């Protein structure tokens, strides 16, 4: 498990947007949610905490957990 002592910021670029569109088509989730997933992948995140995505779902190696 990677422990981060500071916040990393990722600014999506054109490649990220195109990858989000491909991911949206594959998983049938919103573009904005796939953009979050793509950014998490770029930052090597293992987990996304979300109320909007399906808990336990794994999107290209990133697992969704519900915060409640």
Protein backbone atom coordinates (compact mmCIF):
# COMPACT_ATOMS: atom_id res chain seq x y z
CA UNK A 1 0.00 0.00 0.00
CA UNK A 2 1.31 3.41 -0.98
CA UNK A 3 1.10 6.08 1.72
CA UNK A 4 1.10 9.66 0.52
CA UNK A 5 2.05 12.48 2.87
CA UNK A 6 0.85 15.20 0.51
CA UNK A 7 -1.88 15.71 -2.08
CA UNK A 8 -0.89 15.11 -5.67
CA UNK A 9 -2.78 17.11 -8.27
CA UNK A 10 -3.47 15.75 -11.73
CA UNK A 11 -4.71 18.00 -14.49
CA UNK A 12 -6.43 15.89 -17.17
CA UNK A 13 -4.96 16.30 -20.63
CA UNK A 14 -6.25 15.36 -24.09
CA UNK A 15 -5.11 11.74 -23.73
CA UNK A 16 -6.95 11.47 -20.40
CA UNK A 17 -10.16 12.78 -21.98
CA UNK A 18 -9.91 10.27 -24.83
CA UNK A 19 -9.22 7.44 -22.37
CA UNK A 20 -12.23 8.55 -20.29
CA UNK A 21 -14.44 8.36 -23.38
CA UNK A 22 -13.21 4.81 -24.08
CA UNK A 23 -13.75 3.82 -20.45
CA UNK A 24 -17.24 5.34 -20.50
CA UNK A 25 -18.13 3.21 -23.50
CA UNK A 26 -16.79 0.04 -21.85
CA UNK A 27 -18.34 0.45 -18.38
CA UNK A 28 -21.44 2.52 -19.22
CA UNK A 29 -20.86 5.11 -16.47
CA UNK A 30 -20.86 8.90 -16.78
CA UNK A 31 -18.05 10.73 -18.52
CA UNK A 32 -17.26 12.66 -15.34
CA UNK A 33 -16.99 9.46 -13.30
CA UNK A 34 -14.70 7.90 -15.90
CA UNK A 35 -12.57 11.05 -15.83
CA UNK A 36 -12.15 10.58 -12.07
CA UNK A 37 -11.21 6.92 -12.66
CA UNK A 38 -8.65 7.89 -15.33
CA UNK A 39 -7.10 10.49 -13.02
CA UNK A 40 -6.93 7.90 -10.23
CA UNK A 41 -5.16 5.51 -12.60
CA UNK A 42 -2.66 8.20 -13.60
CA UNK A 43 -1.93 8.88 -9.91
CA UNK A 44 -1.52 5.13 -9.15
CA UNK A 45 -4.48 5.15 -6.76
CA UNK A 46 -5.86 1.80 -5.68
CA UNK A 47 -9.14 3.08 -4.24
CA UNK A 48 -11.82 5.66 -5.04
CA UNK A 49 -14.27 6.60 -2.30
CA UNK A 50 -17.61 7.38 -3.94
CA UNK A 51 -21.34 7.36 -3.34
CA UNK A 52 -22.04 7.46 -7.08
CA UNK A 53 -20.16 4.41 -8.34
CA UNK A 54 -20.91 0.79 -7.46
CA UNK A 55 -19.09 -0.24 -4.27
CA UNK A 56 -16.70 -3.11 -4.87
CA UNK A 57 -16.53 -2.44 -8.61
CA UNK A 58 -13.02 -2.47 -10.06
CA UNK A 59 -12.30 -0.16 -12.98
CA UNK A 60 -8.96 -0.98 -14.60
CA UNK A 61 -7.35 -1.79 -11.24
CA UNK A 62 -9.04 0.97 -9.21
CA UNK A 63 -11.54 -0.29 -6.63
CA UNK A 64 -14.57 1.74 -5.61
CA UNK A 65 -15.52 1.83 -1.93
CA UNK A 66 -18.44 3.61 -0.35
CA UNK A 67 -17.53 6.00 2.48
CA UNK A 68 -20.46 5.05 4.71
